[in-house]
Amino acid sequence: MLHSPPERAPARPLIASAAEPPAGGSLRARVARSLRAAADRLAGECPHTARVALAAQEGERKRVARELHDEVGQGLVAIALMAERAAAEPPADDGETYAEIARRTHFYLDELRRIAHELRPEMLDDLGLIDALVALAASVEADHGLIVARELPRELGLSGEGELVVYRVAQEALANAARHATATRAWLTVVEHDGVLVLEVGDDGRGIPDGVEAGIGIGGMRERARLAGAALEIGPGPDGRGTRVRLELPLTGTGG
């Protein structure tokens, strides 16, 4: 005996019409409110983000301008004066004056290359931060004979700007240890703790003598840290000897 199929309820439209909002309140209205709230948040955040970015860019421009004026500019003025005197009264020193002019010119050409390289090291883009730090430490060891112990994570969640700050601080700290601290050993560590990236670079050298004012290198580290919203400490090592540079960079807002 055949049974007739049960009567089906009328099919409900997949998309409710504007005239018939779904039960329990209008989904469209809730979505619209959510979108407006998100737009309001973005409108409030964008000016702040833009101000931070502009401040960082302006700080970097000032740093580069200061180096160009104080170092390269003054050096080129001195070279020009030497060349003018040599042209007016050719020196009788078997070419020593011209050799000095050439030496100084090459020196400031190297400074220009250094400043251009500091704007964004190619190594960061080619290798990433961790491998770039490994290569940096190896370069210091090869060039200066300084043993650099390394403790680095496999990867980090940083933006390009955050990577640049970490790399530059590590680079300057290792350069100081190799050139000025008369150190034989150094260490380079990077760890993440409670949403903060901590970079430490230390050495067993003579430390920073009392009364010595910060040079361009240390000043540059402090400025980079300030613009990135990071904390920078420079002082003696944990045992009171040598020098330790410690950078604490919040990871919030620095992720790629």
Foldseek 3Di string as FASTA:
>chain_A
DDDDDDDDDDDDDPDDDPVDADPPDHPVVVVVVVVVVVVVVCVVVVVVVVVLVVVLVVLLVVLLVCCCVVPLVVLVVVLVVLVVVCVVPPDPPVCPSVVVSVVSVVVSVVVVVVSVCLVDPVCCVVPNLVVSLVVLQVVLCVPQVAAEAEAEDPDDFFASLVSSLLVLLSNLLSVCCRPPFPFRYKYWYWDDDPQKIKIKIWTQGAWDDPPDDDDSSVVVNVSSLVSQVKDWDWGADPVRGTIMIMIIGGNVPGGD
